Amino acid sequence: MPTYQTDELQRYERRFVQVAEDLFDRVRREIPAQQTERHKGSFSIYAQTSKETAAKIMVYDPMVGKSGRDWPAMRDGVYIWVRANGLVGAAIWDDILSTEMPWIFRRLRREITVQIAANPQTDFAFFPVMAGDDFDDLASFLVACARA
């Protein structure tokens, strides 16, 4: 399974870190503080019921972090990682959320996943944050994942 080991956020391009922080701050305004965590190299959003990681905001740069074997072709930038396995993965993918937010799920492929090196049993589908994305919509999606 492809894994990624983050580095400290200050090593990544400032413009990418600012995007990730902006998005994370929007999420933090909507859910309790104990459901969010800023790590040294990423941002986590936890499920309210199981305490599993529901989603992550990742800054990816192959020259900074370390990509493991079979890493998918990705450009450097900010990515949303969405839990694809476990209890919260089932709640996100197998319930009503994909019907309520189909524009997000069109960007995700549950069968193509990556893992964070610190937690290799957790699979995440992913998509890049792109120019023109509505950050409020992305934050709403991440909040919905946390409430799944």
C-alpha atoms as a PDB file:
ATOM      1  CA  MET A   1       0.000   0.000   0.000  1.00  0.00           C
ATOM      2  CA  PRO A   2       1.372   3.475  -0.828  1.00  0.00           C
ATOM      3  CA  THR A   3       2.427   5.425   2.270  1.00  0.00           C
ATOM      4  CA  TYR A   4       3.506   8.996   2.862  1.00  0.00           C
ATOM      5  CA  GLN A   5       5.631  10.278   5.725  1.00  0.00           C
ATOM      6  CA  THR A   6       5.106  13.965   6.292  1.00  0.00           C
ATOM      7  CA  ASP A   7       7.772  16.393   7.368  1.00  0.00           C
ATOM      8  CA  GLU A   8       7.362  19.541   9.455  1.00  0.00           C
ATOM      9  CA  LEU A   9       4.932  22.016   7.892  1.00  0.00           C
ATOM     10  CA  GLN A  10       7.512  24.821   7.797  1.00  0.00           C
ATOM     11  CA  ARG A  11       9.525  22.774   5.270  1.00  0.00           C
ATOM     12  CA  TYR A  12       6.690  22.877   2.727  1.00  0.00           C
ATOM     13  CA  GLU A  13       5.954  25.808   0.433  1.00  0.00           C
ATOM     14  CA  ARG A  14       4.306  28.551   2.459  1.00  0.00           C
ATOM     15  CA  ARG A  15       1.517  29.040  -0.098  1.00  0.00           C
ATOM     16  CA  PHE A  16       0.444  25.409   0.298  1.00  0.00           C
ATOM     17  CA  VAL A  17       0.604  25.530   4.093  1.00  0.00           C
ATOM     18  CA  GLN A  18      -1.552  28.678   4.059  1.00  0.00           C
ATOM     19  CA  VAL A  19      -4.218  26.929   1.973  1.00  0.00           C
ATOM     20  CA  ALA A  20      -4.198  23.921   4.322  1.00  0.00           C
ATOM     21  CA  GLU A  21      -4.381  26.138   7.420  1.00  0.00           C
ATOM     22  CA  ASP A  22      -7.225  28.201   5.963  1.00  0.00           C
ATOM     23  CA  LEU A  23      -9.234  25.087   5.229  1.00  0.00           C
ATOM     24  CA  PHE A  24      -8.454  23.570   8.640  1.00  0.00           C
ATOM     25  CA  ASP A  25      -9.497  26.789  10.422  1.00  0.00           C
ATOM     26  CA  ARG A  26     -12.860  26.694   8.633  1.00  0.00           C
ATOM     27  CA  VAL A  27     -13.419  23.128   9.826  1.00  0.00           C
ATOM     28  CA  ARG A  28     -12.363  23.968  13.393  1.00  0.00           C
ATOM     29  CA  ARG A  29     -15.025  26.656  13.606  1.00  0.00           C
ATOM     30  CA  GLU A  30     -17.726  24.022  13.007  1.00  0.00           C
ATOM     31  CA  ILE A  31     -16.773  21.044  15.173  1.00  0.00           C
ATOM     32  CA  PRO A  32     -15.485  20.585  18.733  1.00  0.00           C
ATOM     33  CA  ALA A  33     -11.763  21.127  19.281  1.00  0.00           C
ATOM     34  CA  GLN A  34     -11.221  17.507  20.350  1.00  0.00           C
ATOM     35  CA  GLN A  35     -12.225  16.400  16.836  1.00  0.00           C
ATOM     36  CA  THR A  36      -9.345  18.256  15.202  1.00  0.00           C
ATOM     37  CA  GLU A  37      -5.611  18.063  15.563  1.00  0.00           C
ATOM     38  CA  ARG A  38      -2.742  19.882  13.931  1.00  0.00           C
ATOM     39  CA  HIS A  39       0.174  17.502  13.652  1.00  0.00           C
ATOM     40  CA  LYS A  40       3.715  18.511  12.806  1.00  0.00           C
ATOM     41  CA  GLY A  41       3.067  17.710   9.137  1.00  0.00           C
ATOM     42  CA  SER A  42      -0.683  17.406   8.587  1.00  0.00           C
ATOM     43  CA  PHE A  43      -4.143  18.229   9.907  1.00  0.00           C
ATOM     44  CA  SER A  44      -6.571  15.557  11.179  1.00  0.00           C
ATOM     45  CA  ILE A  45     -10.337  15.564  11.509  1.00  0.00           C
ATOM     46  CA  TYR A  46     -11.716  12.841  13.800  1.00  0.00           C
ATOM     47  CA  ALA A  47     -15.134  11.189  13.787  1.00  0.00           C
ATOM     48  CA  GLN A  48     -17.398  12.221  16.621  1.00  0.00           C
ATOM     49  CA  THR A  49     -18.460   8.686  17.513  1.00  0.00           C
ATOM     50  CA  SER A  50     -15.532   6.333  16.963  1.00  0.00           C
ATOM     51  CA  LYS A  51     -12.586   8.746  17.316  1.00  0.00           C
ATOM     52  CA  GLU A  52     -11.126   7.298  14.113  1.00  0.00           C
ATOM     53  CA  THR A  53      -9.522   9.710  11.681  1.00  0.00           C
ATOM     54  CA  ALA A  54     -12.319  10.657   9.281  1.00  0.00           C
ATOM     55  CA  ALA A  55     -10.248  12.909   7.029  1.00  0.00           C
ATOM     56  CA  LYS A  56      -6.917  14.657   6.739  1.00  0.00           C
ATOM     57  CA  ILE A  57      -5.667  17.815   5.096  1.00  0.00           C
ATOM     58  CA  MET A  58      -2.245  17.047   3.695  1.00  0.00           C
ATOM     59  CA  VAL A  59       0.457  19.145   2.100  1.00  0.00           C
ATOM     60  CA  TYR A  60       2.228  16.943  -0.417  1.00  0.00           C
ATOM     61  CA  ASP A  61       5.652  17.599  -1.879  1.00  0.00           C
ATOM     62  CA  PRO A  62       7.792  14.673  -3.047  1.00  0.00           C
ATOM     63  CA  MET A  63      10.939  16.690  -2.300  1.00  0.00           C
ATOM     64  CA  VAL A  64       9.968  17.211   1.359  1.00  0.00           C
ATOM     65  CA  GLY A  65       7.922  14.250   2.586  1.00  0.00           C
ATOM     66  CA  LYS A  66       8.773  10.640   1.884  1.00  0.00           C
ATOM     67  CA  SER A  67       6.577   8.629  -0.476  1.00  0.00           C
ATOM     68  CA  GLY A  68       6.599   4.864  -0.163  1.00  0.00           C
ATOM     69  CA  ARG A  69       6.391   2.250  -2.873  1.00  0.00           C
ATOM     70  CA  ASP A  70       3.622   2.383  -5.470  1.00  0.00           C
ATOM     71  CA  TRP A  71       2.871   6.037  -4.717  1.00  0.00           C
ATOM     72  CA  PRO A  72       0.280   7.388  -7.207  1.00  0.00           C
ATOM     73  CA  ALA A  73       1.253  10.171  -9.591  1.00  0.00           C
ATOM     74  CA  MET A  74       0.483  13.388  -7.706  1.00  0.00           C
ATOM     75  CA  ARG A  75       1.539  16.990  -8.104  1.00  0.00           C
ATOM     76  CA  ASP A  76       2.766  18.949  -5.122  1.00  0.00           C
ATOM     77  CA  GLY A  77       0.006  20.842  -3.326  1.00  0.00           C
ATOM     78  CA  VAL A  78      -2.780  20.430  -0.791  1.00  0.00           C
ATOM     79  CA  TYR A  79      -4.881  17.277  -0.710  1.00  0.00           C
ATOM     80  CA  ILE A  80      -8.000  16.172   1.097  1.00  0.00           C
ATOM     81  CA  TRP A  81      -7.717  12.584   2.325  1.00  0.00           C
ATOM     82  CA  VAL A  82     -10.996  10.826   3.160  1.00  0.00           C
ATOM     83  CA  ARG A  83     -11.197   7.664   5.243  1.00  0.00           C
ATOM     84  CA  ALA A  84     -12.008   4.667   3.059  1.00  0.00           C
ATOM     85  CA  ASN A  85     -11.969   1.816   5.597  1.00  0.00           C
ATOM     86  CA  GLY A  86     -12.970   1.139   9.188  1.00  0.00           C
ATOM     87  CA  LEU A  87     -16.203   2.135  10.869  1.00  0.00           C
ATOM     88  CA  VAL A  88     -15.985   5.781   9.882  1.00  0.00           C
ATOM     89  CA  GLY A  89     -15.054   4.840   6.313  1.00  0.00           C
ATOM     90  CA  ALA A  90     -18.260   2.826   6.056  1.00  0.00           C
ATOM     91  CA  ALA A  91     -20.251   5.703   7.555  1.00  0.00           C
ATOM     92  CA  ILE A  92     -18.799   8.162   5.045  1.00  0.00           C
ATOM     93  CA  TRP A  93     -19.091   6.010   1.923  1.00  0.00           C
ATOM     94  CA  ASP A  94     -22.022   3.692   2.532  1.00  0.00           C
ATOM     95  CA  ASP A  95     -24.594   6.059   3.970  1.00  0.00           C
ATOM     96  CA  ILE A  96     -26.262   9.214   2.669  1.00  0.00           C
ATOM     97  CA  LEU A  97     -23.226  11.508   2.420  1.00  0.00           C
ATOM     98  CA  SER A  98     -22.377  10.535  -1.163  1.00  0.00           C
ATOM     99  CA  THR A  99     -25.939  11.399  -2.174  1.00  0.00           C
ATOM    100  CA  GLU A 100     -25.880  14.724  -0.330  1.00  0.00           C
ATOM    101  CA  MET A 101     -22.493  15.803  -1.755  1.00  0.00           C
ATOM    102  CA  PRO A 102     -22.096  14.032  -5.099  1.00  0.00           C
ATOM    103  CA  TRP A 103     -19.727  16.683  -6.512  1.00  0.00           C
ATOM    104  CA  ILE A 104     -17.132  15.716  -3.908  1.00  0.00           C
ATOM    105  CA  PHE A 105     -17.511  11.969  -4.380  1.00  0.00           C
ATOM    106  CA  ARG A 106     -17.020  12.353  -8.133  1.00  0.00           C
ATOM    107  CA  ARG A 107     -13.470  13.451  -7.266  1.00  0.00           C
ATOM    108  CA  LEU A 108     -12.760  10.422  -5.062  1.00  0.00           C
ATOM    109  CA  ARG A 109     -11.963   6.809  -5.874  1.00  0.00           C
ATOM    110  CA  ARG A 110     -12.431   4.528  -2.886  1.00  0.00           C
ATOM    111  CA  GLU A 111     -10.435   1.784  -4.582  1.00  0.00           C
ATOM    112  CA  ILE A 112      -7.351   4.020  -4.960  1.00  0.00           C
ATOM    113  CA  THR A 113      -6.035   4.741  -1.487  1.00  0.00           C
ATOM    114  CA  VAL A 114      -2.952   5.935   0.325  1.00  0.00           C
ATOM    115  CA  GLN A 115      -1.810   5.697   3.913  1.00  0.00           C
ATOM    116  CA  ILE A 116       0.026   7.931   6.320  1.00  0.00           C
ATOM    117  CA  ALA A 117       3.256   6.243   7.442  1.00  0.00           C
ATOM    118  CA  ALA A 118       2.422   6.749  11.134  1.00  0.00           C
ATOM    119  CA  ASN A 119      -0.856   4.804  10.787  1.00  0.00           C
ATOM    120  CA  PRO A 120      -0.474   2.236   7.985  1.00  0.00           C
ATOM    121  CA  GLN A 121      -3.713   0.333   8.652  1.00  0.00           C
ATOM    122  CA  THR A 122      -5.814   3.386   7.746  1.00  0.00           C
ATOM    123  CA  ASP A 123      -6.720   3.784   4.068  1.00  0.00           C
ATOM    124  CA  PHE A 124      -7.608   7.160   2.575  1.00  0.00           C
ATOM    125  CA  ALA A 125      -9.061   8.095  -0.794  1.00  0.00           C
ATOM    126  CA  PHE A 126      -7.809  11.517  -1.872  1.00  0.00           C
ATOM    127  CA  PHE A 127      -8.255  14.484  -4.160  1.00  0.00           C
ATOM    128  CA  PRO A 128      -6.328  17.732  -4.679  1.00  0.00           C
ATOM    129  CA  VAL A 129      -7.536  21.136  -3.559  1.00  0.00           C
ATOM    130  CA  MET A 130      -7.603  23.072  -6.812  1.00  0.00           C
ATOM    131  CA  ALA A 131      -7.816  26.674  -7.946  1.00  0.00           C
ATOM    132  CA  GLY A 132     -11.462  27.637  -7.999  1.00  0.00           C
ATOM    133  CA  ASP A 133     -12.510  25.236  -5.235  1.00  0.00           C
ATOM    134  CA  ASP A 134     -14.956  26.749  -2.781  1.00  0.00           C
ATOM    135  CA  PHE A 135     -13.255  26.401   0.607  1.00  0.00           C
ATOM    136  CA  ASP A 136     -16.570  26.653   2.432  1.00  0.00           C
ATOM    137  CA  ASP A 137     -17.876  23.666   0.428  1.00  0.00           C
ATOM    138  CA  LEU A 138     -14.710  21.698   1.147  1.00  0.00           C
ATOM    139  CA  ALA A 139     -14.930  22.557   4.848  1.00  0.00           C
ATOM    140  CA  SER A 140     -18.608  21.530   4.909  1.00  0.00           C
ATOM    141  CA  PHE A 141     -17.638  18.200   3.410  1.00  0.00           C
ATOM    142  CA  LEU A 142     -14.906  17.654   6.009  1.00  0.00           C
ATOM    143  CA  VAL A 143     -17.315  18.561   8.810  1.00  0.00           C
ATOM    144  CA  ALA A 144     -19.841  16.098   7.387  1.00  0.00           C
ATOM    145  CA  CYS A 145     -17.139  13.395   7.411  1.00  0.00           C
ATOM    146  CA  ALA A 146     -16.462  14.169  11.070  1.00  0.00           C
ATOM    147  CA  ARG A 147     -20.151  13.804  11.876  1.00  0.00           C
ATOM    148  CA  ALA A 148     -20.557  10.542   9.946  1.00  0.00           C
END
